[in-house]
Amino acid sequence: MTIRVFLVEDLPAMRELLVDLFTSIGNYQVVGTSSTEAEANLWIDEFPRKWDLLIVDLILAEGSGLGVVRARACGARTGLSSC
């Protein structure tokens, strides 16, 4: 089974490194990336069933990775993307 990964990372070099890492491991497919909280939440809300694993940088230049995590946790509890 392939695990679909969505990456939230604002540093291009780190994002590229993580994509290369997951690609080389096997059984992982990076299905999307974003560099901001807003981009991440938009993509995740638009494609809620297209990912299995989120890798989230908690400190972003624009927004917060915690905001991405919080939105997912709230959505899981309430069925909404935000609380």
Foldseek 3Di string as FASTA:
>chain_A
DAAEEEEAAQDPVVVVVVQVVQVVVPSYHHPYYYQALVVLLVVCVVCVPRGDYYHFDQDGPHYGSVSCVQLVVVCVVPVGSHD
